[in-house]
Amino acid sequence: MSEKFSDEPTRIAETIVPLFARQTGEFAPVSSPDGSRVDLTTGADDQDDCAVFRLAGSHDLVVGSDYIRGPKFRLYEMGHLDEYDLGYYLVAANLSDIAAMGAKPIGLLSVVRYPSEMDDALFGSVMEGIRDACAAFGCHNVGGDIGGAERLILSASALGVCPAGRALLRSGAKPGDVVCLTAPTGPAGAAMAYLRSDASDEAIDRLLPPMLAHWKRPVARIDEGLALGASGVVTSCQDTSDGLKATLLSIADLSGVGITVDERAVPVLAGVAAVADHVRVEPLSLVMGDSVDFELVFTVPPDQADDLAESLGFHRIGVVTEEPEVVLRAEDGTRSALPGKAWRHQGDRQA
């Protein structure tokens, strides 16, 4: 099939409109017992300059924005991700921040800038990834911007709502709180470490697909975030998009507390352990390092943890302390700095 290169108005008419049609009628209103309500009155299907939400009652609007690399995304350059995967990842990365605030996503604004050599099929693949990820997380891509650029550039802003004054913050952890994690971290970092190594391993090859899925089909923990917010007992929350170590350091710093992580309580998946052995590093360095897994770390008073665990499975990995240091406690009681590299938003990230 011959390549087709359309101009921007044609791509809007032939790709954007069909993919994102009928949003206004399909939007499920967000309502609260107190009568508060959010409706989408003008969506991308209306082709106006902006989407319009009607907010009735008392809400807090939660807004976040995230950019991801296009052709400089390393796994994409290595052939392990395609354009569809990049679009999907863009949505998950942005909605994960909404989830960490305990908010309900109501819309996404995507920016897709593309080079002249990107044909209609590849452009359509990016937009299909965005559409499908939005559908998976119960959200609509209500607008944004498309147009030409020197290379593929992907960015988005996510919108969410939560009851007034109920957003989950990073800064509320209290001494004595239990530190919890929604699911094991490390698979994304392990997949990257293995694929960048010089040697392959048949056993790890069999374990690779679920680890690589953390890049191809990442999961924003929307339902878990909503449950944590609705509980009314969570004192702090943050996602692990910068890695588990960076998340723990951030919560401790902003809350003015310390955290002691119990080494025995930190879950290590078999694939992560296998890769760690393959590349000759400690498994916890992959679990704690800059692995982009989009899990949630949260703190909760110890007398509330059991009740919350009945409705939401999670791992208890440590405790908040008054002494402002973040340490790992080994089985023999010795304490040390957390292993792994905490990503600091500078230099060249592994992705």
Protein backbone atom coordinates (compact mmCIF):
# COMPACT_ATOMS: atom_id res chain seq x y z
CA MET A 1 0.00 0.00 0.00
CA SER A 2 1.38 3.40 -0.96
CA GLU A 3 2.15 5.95 1.71
CA LYS A 4 -0.26 8.88 2.11
CA PHE A 5 0.68 12.28 3.49
CA SER A 6 -2.27 14.56 4.21
CA ASP A 7 -2.31 18.14 5.43
CA GLU A 8 -3.49 19.03 8.94
CA PRO A 9 -7.14 19.83 8.06
CA THR A 10 -7.42 16.50 6.23
CA ARG A 11 -5.94 14.58 9.14
CA ILE A 12 -8.42 16.26 11.46
CA ALA A 13 -11.32 15.38 9.18
CA GLU A 14 -10.25 11.86 8.26
CA THR A 15 -8.49 10.67 11.43
CA ILE A 16 -9.29 12.81 14.48
CA VAL A 17 -13.03 13.23 13.93
CA PRO A 18 -13.80 9.54 13.28
CA LEU A 19 -11.65 8.39 16.20
CA PHE A 20 -13.08 10.81 18.74
CA ALA A 21 -16.65 11.23 17.55
CA ARG A 22 -19.77 11.27 19.76
CA GLN A 23 -17.91 12.22 22.93
CA THR A 24 -20.53 14.60 24.27
CA GLY A 25 -23.23 11.94 24.24
CA GLU A 26 -20.95 9.20 25.56
CA PHE A 27 -19.49 11.15 28.47
CA ALA A 28 -20.67 9.67 31.77
CA PRO A 29 -21.48 12.56 34.13
CA VAL A 30 -19.44 12.60 37.32
CA SER A 31 -21.80 13.06 40.25
CA SER A 32 -21.50 13.07 44.05
CA PRO A 33 -24.04 12.34 46.80
CA ASP A 34 -24.14 16.05 47.68
CA GLY A 35 -25.52 16.82 44.21
CA SER A 36 -22.27 18.02 42.64
CA ARG A 37 -22.02 17.09 38.98
CA VAL A 38 -19.69 17.42 36.00
CA ASP A 39 -20.95 17.22 32.40
CA LEU A 40 -19.12 17.49 29.09
CA THR A 41 -21.16 19.92 26.99
CA THR A 42 -18.68 20.46 24.13
CA GLY A 43 -16.16 17.77 23.18
CA ALA A 44 -13.64 17.10 20.44
CA ASP A 45 -16.46 15.89 18.22
CA ASP A 46 -17.85 19.44 18.11
CA GLN A 47 -14.59 20.71 16.53
CA ASP A 48 -14.62 23.97 18.49
CA ASP A 49 -11.46 25.63 19.76
CA CYS A 50 -11.91 24.22 23.26
CA ALA A 51 -13.83 21.56 25.14
CA VAL A 52 -16.40 22.78 27.67
CA PHE A 53 -17.23 21.14 31.00
CA ARG A 54 -20.17 22.25 33.11
CA LEU A 55 -19.42 21.96 36.82
CA ALA A 56 -22.30 22.17 39.29
CA GLY A 57 -21.68 22.11 43.02
CA SER A 58 -18.39 22.00 44.88
CA HIS A 59 -15.36 20.30 43.29
CA ASP A 60 -11.63 20.68 43.18
CA LEU A 61 -10.26 20.65 39.63
CA VAL A 62 -7.07 18.57 39.42
CA VAL A 63 -4.81 19.35 36.45
CA GLY A 64 -1.52 17.77 35.40
CA SER A 65 0.72 17.77 32.33
CA ASP A 66 3.38 15.38 31.09
CA TYR A 67 5.59 15.18 28.02
CA ILE A 68 7.10 11.99 26.65
CA ARG A 69 9.76 11.47 24.05
CA GLY A 70 8.88 10.51 20.53
CA PRO A 71 11.77 9.13 18.43
CA LYS A 72 14.15 9.70 21.37
CA PHE A 73 12.19 7.16 23.43
CA ARG A 74 14.90 4.50 23.64
CA LEU A 75 12.73 1.39 23.49
CA TYR A 76 11.03 2.86 20.44
CA GLU A 77 14.38 3.36 18.76
CA MET A 78 15.31 -0.22 19.65
CA GLY A 79 12.16 -1.50 17.93
CA HIS A 80 10.34 -2.70 21.05
CA LEU A 81 7.64 0.00 20.95
CA ASP A 82 5.69 1.36 18.00
CA GLU A 83 3.69 4.53 17.40
CA TYR A 84 0.54 3.03 18.90
CA ASP A 85 2.46 2.19 22.09
CA LEU A 86 3.74 5.77 22.37
CA GLY A 87 0.21 7.15 22.16
CA TYR A 88 -0.99 4.70 24.79
CA TYR A 89 1.93 5.50 27.09
CA LEU A 90 1.26 9.23 26.80
CA VAL A 91 -2.25 8.79 28.22
CA ALA A 92 -1.20 6.46 31.04
CA ALA A 93 1.62 8.76 32.13
CA ASN A 94 -0.73 11.71 32.44
CA LEU A 95 -3.66 9.90 34.03
CA SER A 96 -1.37 8.26 36.59
CA ASP A 97 -0.82 11.71 38.10
CA ILE A 98 -4.58 12.21 38.32
CA ALA A 99 -4.92 8.80 40.00
CA ALA A 100 -2.26 9.71 42.57
CA MET A 101 -4.37 12.70 43.62
CA GLY A 102 -7.41 10.50 44.24
CA ALA A 103 -9.29 12.23 41.45
CA LYS A 104 -11.68 11.07 38.74
CA PRO A 105 -10.34 11.85 35.24
CA ILE A 106 -12.77 13.85 33.13
CA GLY A 107 -10.67 14.65 30.07
CA LEU A 108 -7.31 14.67 28.33
CA LEU A 109 -5.83 17.30 26.02
CA SER A 110 -3.20 15.78 23.75
CA VAL A 111 -0.50 17.50 21.72
CA VAL A 112 0.80 15.48 18.77
CA ARG A 113 3.40 17.22 16.63
CA TYR A 114 4.82 15.16 13.79
CA PRO A 115 7.60 15.40 11.18
CA SER A 116 6.87 15.70 7.47
CA GLU A 117 7.99 12.11 6.85
CA MET A 118 5.27 10.67 9.12
CA ASP A 119 2.56 9.34 6.83
CA ASP A 120 -1.16 9.16 7.59
CA ALA A 121 -1.01 5.54 8.75
CA LEU A 122 1.65 6.18 11.40
CA PHE A 123 -0.09 9.36 12.53
CA GLY A 124 -3.32 7.41 12.82
CA SER A 125 -1.57 4.75 14.88
CA VAL A 126 -0.46 7.33 17.46
CA MET A 127 -4.00 8.69 17.72
CA GLU A 128 -5.47 5.19 18.00
CA GLY A 129 -3.16 4.49 20.94
CA ILE A 130 -4.39 7.68 22.60
CA ARG A 131 -8.02 6.79 21.95
CA ASP A 132 -7.73 3.23 23.22
CA ALA A 133 -5.85 4.20 26.37
CA CYS A 134 -8.45 6.86 27.14
CA ALA A 135 -11.17 4.23 26.72
CA ALA A 136 -9.30 1.81 28.98
CA PHE A 137 -9.13 4.38 31.77
CA GLY A 138 -12.64 5.80 31.37
CA CYS A 139 -11.63 9.15 29.96
CA HIS A 140 -12.09 11.11 26.72
CA ASN A 141 -9.45 12.92 24.68
CA VAL A 142 -11.47 16.12 24.47
CA GLY A 143 -9.05 18.21 22.42
CA GLY A 144 -5.50 19.46 22.12
CA ASP A 145 -3.31 20.27 19.15
CA ILE A 146 -1.82 18.58 16.11
CA GLY A 147 0.58 19.93 13.53
CA GLY A 148 4.04 19.72 12.03
CA ALA A 149 7.38 19.71 13.85
CA GLU A 150 10.97 18.65 13.26
CA ARG A 151 10.27 15.31 14.96
CA LEU A 152 7.48 13.49 16.75
CA ILE A 153 6.57 15.36 19.94
CA LEU A 154 3.97 14.02 22.37
CA SER A 155 2.55 15.89 25.34
CA ALA A 156 -0.74 16.03 27.17
CA SER A 157 -2.64 17.64 30.01
CA ALA A 158 -5.04 15.60 32.12
CA LEU A 159 -8.08 16.96 33.94
CA GLY A 160 -9.75 15.40 36.96
CA VAL A 161 -12.15 16.28 39.76
CA CYS A 162 -12.45 15.29 43.39
CA PRO A 163 -14.60 16.45 46.32
CA ALA A 164 -13.50 19.86 47.56
CA GLY A 165 -10.54 19.62 49.90
CA ARG A 166 -10.12 15.87 49.39
CA ALA A 167 -7.23 15.69 46.91
CA LEU A 168 -4.46 13.35 48.02
CA LEU A 169 -1.16 15.17 48.49
CA ARG A 170 2.43 14.09 49.02
CA SER A 171 2.83 16.18 52.16
CA GLY A 172 0.56 14.62 54.79
CA ALA A 173 2.43 11.54 56.06
CA LYS A 174 2.59 11.30 59.87
CA PRO A 175 4.98 9.36 62.13
CA GLY A 176 3.57 5.91 62.76
CA ASP A 177 1.74 5.70 59.43
CA VAL A 178 2.09 2.51 57.43
CA VAL A 179 3.76 2.92 54.01
CA CYS A 180 1.92 0.96 51.33
CA LEU A 181 2.43 0.07 47.66
CA THR A 182 -0.33 -0.96 45.25
CA ALA A 183 1.74 -3.56 43.36
CA PRO A 184 5.39 -4.58 42.84
CA THR A 185 7.71 -2.13 41.14
CA GLY A 186 10.75 -2.85 38.99
CA PRO A 187 9.40 -4.58 35.85
CA ALA A 188 9.79 -1.55 33.58
CA GLY A 189 13.34 -0.91 34.77
CA ALA A 190 14.21 -4.59 34.54
CA ALA A 191 12.94 -4.79 30.95
CA MET A 192 15.09 -1.79 30.03
CA ALA A 193 18.16 -3.17 31.80
CA TYR A 194 17.83 -6.54 30.08
CA LEU A 195 17.23 -5.14 26.60
CA ARG A 196 20.25 -2.87 26.97
CA SER A 197 22.52 -5.70 28.11
CA ASP A 198 24.89 -7.37 25.67
CA ALA A 199 23.70 -10.94 26.21
CA SER A 200 20.35 -12.69 25.94
CA ASP A 201 18.95 -15.43 28.16
CA GLU A 202 16.23 -17.89 27.12
CA ALA A 203 14.67 -18.01 30.58
CA ILE A 204 14.46 -14.22 30.79
CA ASP A 205 13.11 -14.05 27.24
CA ARG A 206 10.11 -16.03 28.47
CA LEU A 207 9.64 -13.61 31.38
CA LEU A 208 10.12 -10.49 29.27
CA PRO A 209 6.61 -9.92 27.79
CA PRO A 210 4.88 -9.02 31.08
CA MET A 211 7.78 -6.74 32.01
CA LEU A 212 7.78 -5.07 28.61
CA ALA A 213 4.01 -4.59 28.97
CA HIS A 214 4.79 -1.95 31.60
CA TRP A 215 6.05 0.14 28.67
CA LYS A 216 3.61 -0.99 25.97
CA ARG A 217 0.41 -1.07 28.06
CA PRO A 218 1.12 0.79 31.30
CA VAL A 219 -1.70 0.97 33.81
CA ALA A 220 -2.77 4.18 35.51
CA ARG A 221 -4.20 3.14 38.89
CA ILE A 222 -7.40 5.15 38.54
CA ASP A 223 -9.69 2.80 40.50
CA GLU A 224 -7.15 2.43 43.29
CA GLY A 225 -6.65 6.18 43.52
CA LEU A 226 -10.39 6.78 43.73
CA ALA A 227 -10.71 4.15 46.46
CA LEU A 228 -7.87 5.72 48.43
CA GLY A 229 -9.40 9.16 48.11
CA ALA A 230 -12.87 7.95 49.09
CA SER A 231 -11.52 6.19 52.18
CA GLY A 232 -10.81 9.48 53.90
CA VAL A 233 -7.92 7.93 55.85
CA VAL A 234 -4.98 8.16 53.43
CA THR A 235 -2.51 10.80 54.61
CA SER A 236 -0.28 11.04 51.53
CA CYS A 237 0.00 9.55 48.05
CA GLN A 238 2.25 9.70 44.99
CA ASP A 239 2.78 7.56 41.92
CA THR A 240 6.07 5.81 41.16
CA SER A 241 6.62 7.31 37.71
CA ASP A 242 10.08 8.44 38.87
CA GLY A 243 10.78 5.14 40.63
CA LEU A 244 9.98 3.82 44.10
CA LYS A 245 13.05 5.34 45.76
CA ALA A 246 12.36 8.81 44.39
CA THR A 247 8.73 8.53 45.49
CA LEU A 248 9.61 7.58 49.06
CA LEU A 249 12.19 10.37 49.27
CA SER A 250 9.66 12.89 47.96
CA ILE A 251 6.89 11.93 50.40
CA ALA A 252 9.32 12.01 53.32
CA ASP A 253 10.80 15.37 52.33
CA LEU A 254 7.50 17.13 51.68
CA SER A 255 5.92 15.67 54.83
CA GLY A 256 8.91 16.53 57.03
CA VAL A 257 9.26 12.92 58.20
CA GLY A 258 11.40 9.84 57.65
CA ILE A 259 10.56 6.41 56.29
CA THR A 260 11.96 3.04 57.27
CA VAL A 261 11.46 0.43 54.56
CA ASP A 262 11.38 -3.22 55.64
CA GLU A 263 13.57 -5.14 53.18
CA ARG A 264 11.60 -8.36 53.75
CA ALA A 265 8.31 -6.65 52.89
CA VAL A 266 9.33 -5.23 49.50
CA PRO A 267 7.94 -7.50 46.75
CA VAL A 268 10.39 -8.68 44.08
CA LEU A 269 8.96 -10.30 40.97
CA ALA A 270 10.69 -13.36 39.50
CA GLY A 271 11.48 -11.58 36.25
CA VAL A 272 13.05 -8.64 38.07
CA ALA A 273 15.19 -11.00 40.19
CA ALA A 274 16.30 -12.89 37.07
CA VAL A 275 17.32 -9.71 35.27
CA ALA A 276 19.16 -8.45 38.34
CA ASP A 277 21.22 -11.63 38.39
CA HIS A 278 21.77 -11.38 34.63
CA VAL A 279 23.14 -7.83 34.78
CA ARG A 280 24.86 -8.41 38.14
CA VAL A 281 23.03 -5.93 40.33
CA GLU A 282 21.05 -6.31 43.55
CA PRO A 283 17.33 -6.98 42.84
CA LEU A 284 16.26 -4.09 45.07
CA SER A 285 18.29 -1.67 42.95
CA LEU A 286 15.90 -2.43 40.08
CA VAL A 287 12.85 -2.44 42.35
CA MET A 288 13.76 0.90 43.92
CA GLY A 289 15.43 2.56 40.93
CA ASP A 290 14.00 4.72 38.15
CA SER A 291 11.55 2.07 36.96
CA VAL A 292 8.45 3.67 35.43
CA ASP A 293 5.74 1.40 36.79
CA PHE A 294 2.96 3.92 37.65
CA GLU A 295 2.11 2.24 40.94
CA LEU A 296 0.86 4.24 43.93
CA VAL A 297 2.71 4.69 47.21
CA PHE A 298 0.50 5.89 50.04
CA THR A 299 0.52 6.25 53.81
CA VAL A 300 -2.26 5.41 56.22
CA PRO A 301 -2.61 5.29 60.02
CA PRO A 302 -1.90 1.77 61.32
CA ASP A 303 -5.36 1.37 62.87
CA GLN A 304 -6.95 2.03 59.45
CA ALA A 305 -4.74 -0.19 57.30
CA ASP A 306 -6.62 -3.45 57.89
CA ASP A 307 -10.01 -2.02 56.94
CA LEU A 308 -8.58 -0.46 53.80
CA ALA A 309 -6.82 -3.70 52.86
CA GLU A 310 -10.15 -5.54 52.80
CA SER A 311 -11.30 -3.49 49.82
CA LEU A 312 -7.94 -2.81 48.18
CA GLY A 313 -5.04 -5.27 48.06
CA PHE A 314 -1.63 -3.72 48.64
CA HIS A 315 1.82 -4.34 50.08
CA ARG A 316 2.87 -2.82 53.42
CA ILE A 317 6.52 -2.00 52.90
CA GLY A 318 7.47 0.24 55.80
CA VAL A 319 6.60 2.81 58.40
CA VAL A 320 6.79 6.60 58.68
CA THR A 321 9.20 7.80 61.35
CA GLU A 322 9.76 11.07 63.16
CA GLU A 323 13.49 11.01 62.46
CA PRO A 324 13.84 12.57 58.97
CA GLU A 325 15.81 9.86 57.22
CA VAL A 326 14.76 7.33 54.59
CA VAL A 327 16.45 4.00 55.14
CA LEU A 328 16.22 0.30 54.36
CA ARG A 329 16.07 -2.05 57.34
CA ALA A 330 17.56 -5.47 56.62
CA GLU A 331 16.39 -8.72 58.17
CA ASP A 332 19.22 -8.56 60.73
CA GLY A 333 18.17 -5.06 61.76
CA THR A 334 20.97 -3.15 60.05
CA ARG A 335 19.99 0.07 58.33
CA SER A 336 21.31 1.51 55.09
CA ALA A 337 20.43 3.98 52.36
CA LEU A 338 17.83 2.86 49.84
CA PRO A 339 19.45 1.08 46.88
CA GLY A 340 18.91 2.11 43.27
CA LYS A 341 19.15 5.39 41.43
CA ALA A 342 16.46 7.97 42.08
CA TRP A 343 15.60 9.86 38.91
CA ARG A 344 15.99 13.61 39.34
CA HIS A 345 14.55 15.10 36.11
CA GLN A 346 17.95 15.90 34.68
CA GLY A 347 20.24 14.35 32.10
CA ASP A 348 19.29 11.38 29.93
CA ARG A 349 16.63 9.13 31.36
CA GLN A 350 16.78 5.39 30.66
CA ALA A 351 13.59 5.51 28.59
